[in-house]
Protein backbone atom coordinates (compact mmCIF):
# COMPACT_ATOMS: atom_id res chain seq x y z
CA MET A 1 0.00 -0.18 0.11
CA GLU A 2 1.27 3.39 -0.97
CA ASN A 3 1.99 6.00 1.97
CA GLN A 4 -0.34 8.83 1.51
CA LYS A 5 1.40 11.20 3.87
CA LYS A 6 2.78 14.43 2.51
CA ARG A 7 6.12 15.73 3.50
CA PRO A 8 6.10 18.83 5.69
CA VAL A 9 6.72 22.23 4.11
CA THR A 10 9.98 23.79 5.51
CA LEU A 11 11.68 27.13 4.70
CA GLY A 12 14.76 28.98 5.86
CA PRO A 13 14.30 32.88 6.67
CA GLU A 14 14.91 33.84 3.32
CA GLU A 15 13.61 31.21 1.20
CA GLY A 16 10.37 30.77 -0.94
CA LYS A 17 9.24 33.05 -3.98
CA ASN A 18 9.57 36.59 -3.40
CA ILE A 19 7.54 38.74 -5.65
CA SER A 20 7.06 42.59 -5.83
CA VAL A 21 3.33 43.47 -5.31
CA ALA A 22 1.85 47.11 -4.87
CA GLY A 23 5.50 48.18 -3.97
CA GLY A 24 5.64 45.59 -0.96
CA THR A 25 7.89 42.44 -1.25
CA TYR A 26 5.86 39.27 -0.86
CA ARG A 27 7.12 35.91 0.24
CA ILE A 28 5.15 32.84 -0.52
CA LEU A 29 5.87 30.49 2.39
CA VAL A 30 2.95 28.05 1.56
CA SER A 31 0.59 27.93 -1.46
CA GLY A 32 -2.24 26.24 -2.68
CA LYS A 33 -0.37 23.72 -4.64
CA ASP A 34 1.11 22.69 -1.34
CA THR A 35 -2.00 22.51 0.65
CA GLY A 36 -4.75 20.97 -1.77
CA GLY A 37 -5.89 24.57 -2.35
CA ALA A 38 -7.18 24.78 1.49
CA PHE A 39 -4.82 27.78 2.18
CA ALA A 40 -1.96 30.03 1.55
CA THR A 41 0.41 31.97 3.78
CA ILE A 42 2.47 34.88 2.57
CA ASP A 43 4.91 36.86 4.38
CA MET A 44 4.77 40.52 3.47
CA LEU A 45 7.40 43.62 3.83
CA ILE A 46 5.45 46.67 3.27
CA PRO A 47 7.86 49.71 2.52
CA PRO A 48 6.87 53.24 3.90
CA GLY A 49 4.13 54.30 1.75
CA GLY A 50 3.37 50.82 0.66
CA GLY A 51 0.32 48.72 0.50
CA PRO A 52 -2.46 47.46 -1.79
CA GLY A 53 -5.00 49.97 -2.57
CA PRO A 54 -8.81 48.75 -2.41
CA HIS A 55 -9.86 45.23 -3.34
CA ALA A 56 -12.06 42.74 -2.57
CA HIS A 57 -12.31 38.90 -2.71
CA ALA A 58 -15.81 37.38 -1.90
CA ALA A 59 -14.83 33.83 -1.67
CA ILE A 60 -11.59 34.40 0.54
CA GLU A 61 -10.87 34.64 3.94
CA GLU A 62 -7.94 36.89 4.56
CA SER A 63 -6.00 37.36 8.01
CA PHE A 64 -2.86 39.46 8.92
CA TYR A 65 -0.90 39.46 11.90
CA VAL A 66 1.28 42.27 12.38
CA LEU A 67 4.92 41.36 13.08
CA GLU A 68 6.74 44.44 13.07
CA GLY A 69 5.68 48.06 12.23
CA GLU A 70 2.58 49.58 11.45
CA VAL A 71 -0.07 49.89 8.66
CA GLU A 72 -3.55 51.66 8.43
CA VAL A 73 -6.41 49.39 7.52
CA LYS A 74 -9.26 50.78 5.67
CA SER A 75 -12.55 48.87 4.82
CA GLU A 76 -16.16 49.92 4.19
CA PHE A 77 -16.45 49.90 7.68
CA GLY A 78 -13.93 52.46 8.64
CA SER A 79 -9.95 52.38 9.47
CA TYR A 80 -7.70 50.80 12.00
CA VAL A 81 -4.30 51.32 12.68
CA ALA A 82 -2.69 48.03 13.35
CA THR A 83 0.59 47.99 15.23
CA LYS A 84 3.00 45.15 16.11
CA GLY A 85 1.15 42.17 17.71
CA SER A 86 -2.33 43.07 16.31
CA PHE A 87 -4.64 40.91 14.04
CA ILE A 88 -7.06 41.65 11.35
CA SER A 89 -9.30 39.22 9.50
CA ILE A 90 -11.43 40.15 6.65
CA PRO A 91 -14.19 38.08 6.37
CA LYS A 92 -15.59 35.87 3.08
CA GLY A 93 -18.43 38.07 1.42
CA GLY A 94 -16.69 41.02 -0.82
CA VAL A 95 -15.65 43.54 1.95
CA VAL A 96 -13.70 46.22 0.30
CA HIS A 97 -10.43 46.69 2.06
CA GLY A 98 -6.78 47.70 1.68
CA PHE A 99 -4.07 48.91 3.81
CA LYS A 100 -0.95 51.37 3.59
CA ASN A 101 2.38 51.90 5.71
CA LYS A 102 1.94 55.62 6.61
CA THR A 103 5.39 55.46 8.87
CA GLY A 104 9.25 55.48 8.14
CA GLN A 105 9.68 52.11 8.88
CA VAL A 106 9.11 48.73 7.18
CA ALA A 107 5.89 46.69 8.13
CA HIS A 108 6.11 43.08 8.49
CA LEU A 109 2.91 41.24 8.18
CA LEU A 110 1.87 37.58 8.02
CA CYS A 111 -0.95 36.72 5.81
CA THR A 112 -3.33 33.76 5.51
CA VAL A 113 -5.91 33.25 2.91
CA VAL A 114 -8.59 30.48 3.07
CA PRO A 115 -9.09 28.98 0.39
CA ALA A 116 -5.94 29.59 -1.24
CA GLY A 117 -5.81 31.52 -4.71
CA LEU A 118 -4.87 34.94 -3.80
CA GLU A 119 -0.99 33.86 -4.07
CA THR A 120 -1.63 33.19 -7.55
CA PHE A 121 -3.06 36.68 -8.59
CA PHE A 122 0.03 37.94 -6.67
CA GLU A 123 2.30 35.57 -8.86
CA GLU A 124 0.44 37.17 -11.91
CA ILE A 125 0.56 40.82 -11.18
CA GLY A 126 3.87 40.95 -9.44
CA GLN A 127 7.55 40.72 -10.49
CA PRO A 128 10.26 38.04 -8.94
CA VAL A 129 12.46 40.13 -6.73
CA ALA A 130 15.20 38.98 -4.25
CA PHE A 131 14.38 38.45 -0.73
CA GLY A 132 14.28 42.22 1.03
CA GLN A 133 13.97 43.85 -2.27
CA PHE A 134 11.75 46.63 -2.90
CA LEU A 135 10.66 47.95 -6.49
CA PRO A 136 8.46 51.46 -6.75
CA PRO A 137 4.81 50.45 -7.04
CA PRO A 138 3.17 50.77 -10.32
CA ALA A 139 1.55 54.38 -11.27
CA MET A 140 -2.02 53.68 -10.69
CA ASP A 141 -3.39 55.30 -13.83
CA GLU A 142 -6.66 54.52 -15.55
CA ALA A 143 -5.01 51.91 -17.94
CA THR A 144 -3.21 50.03 -15.12
CA VAL A 145 -6.25 50.09 -12.98
CA LYS A 146 -8.22 48.53 -15.90
CA LYS A 147 -5.44 46.02 -16.72
CA LEU A 148 -5.69 45.00 -12.52
CA GLN A 149 -9.14 44.92 -12.79
CA ALA A 150 -9.01 42.58 -15.58
CA LEU A 151 -6.38 40.24 -14.12
CA ALA A 152 -8.18 40.45 -10.45
CA GLU A 153 -11.67 39.53 -12.03
CA LYS A 154 -9.76 36.03 -13.62
CA HIS A 155 -8.83 35.45 -9.90
CA GLY A 156 -12.10 36.09 -8.21
CA GLN A 157 -10.81 39.43 -7.22
CA GLN A 158 -12.08 42.80 -7.58
CA VAL A 159 -9.79 46.19 -7.85
CA PHE A 160 -11.11 49.53 -7.00
CA PRO A 161 -9.62 52.94 -8.09
CA PRO A 162 -7.02 54.13 -5.28
CA ASP A 163 -9.63 56.63 -3.89
CA TYR A 164 -12.35 54.33 -3.34
CA LEU A 165 -12.09 54.06 0.45
CA GLY A 166 -11.51 58.02 0.56
C-alpha cells in the first residue's frame, strides 16, 4: 500500500518565492499547490508608503498578523491602525479593504488566505525579486487600474480606484 502522507513544507528565513506587489515584497511561504487549495500563507514586507489599494475577494477569507511596524487598514466599515501584535481578519463576502504603511519604517505582516488562490493573483501581477528587495509601486493610472481589474476578475478578485475608500 502506498504511503499517502505528504512531506512537511519547510523554508529557511529567506527561502521561498519572493515577488514585488504594490511596492511590497511578498514571500509565498506555502501555496495552494502545497495545501491542496486549502490555504496559503504569505510573508509581507511593506515599505513606507506601500500597501495594496482598495480590493475585495468574496470567496476568500484573509487574515493578517503584524509582526513588526504599523499599517493603516481601511475598509467599508472604517479604518484601524494595526501595530505590532495586531490581528486583522477580513471575512468572506467581498468587503472592500486595503492597507497602507504610513510610517517611515518597513512593516512586516503574516497573511493567511482561506481557501488558497490569492497567491496566484500576486504571482501574476507581481515581479520576481530577491528577498528584501523593494521595487517602486506601479503608477495607478486609468490603464493600469483597468488591467489590474481584468486580472483580478480572472482570480475572483475586484480592484477599485485608489480613492475608493476615501
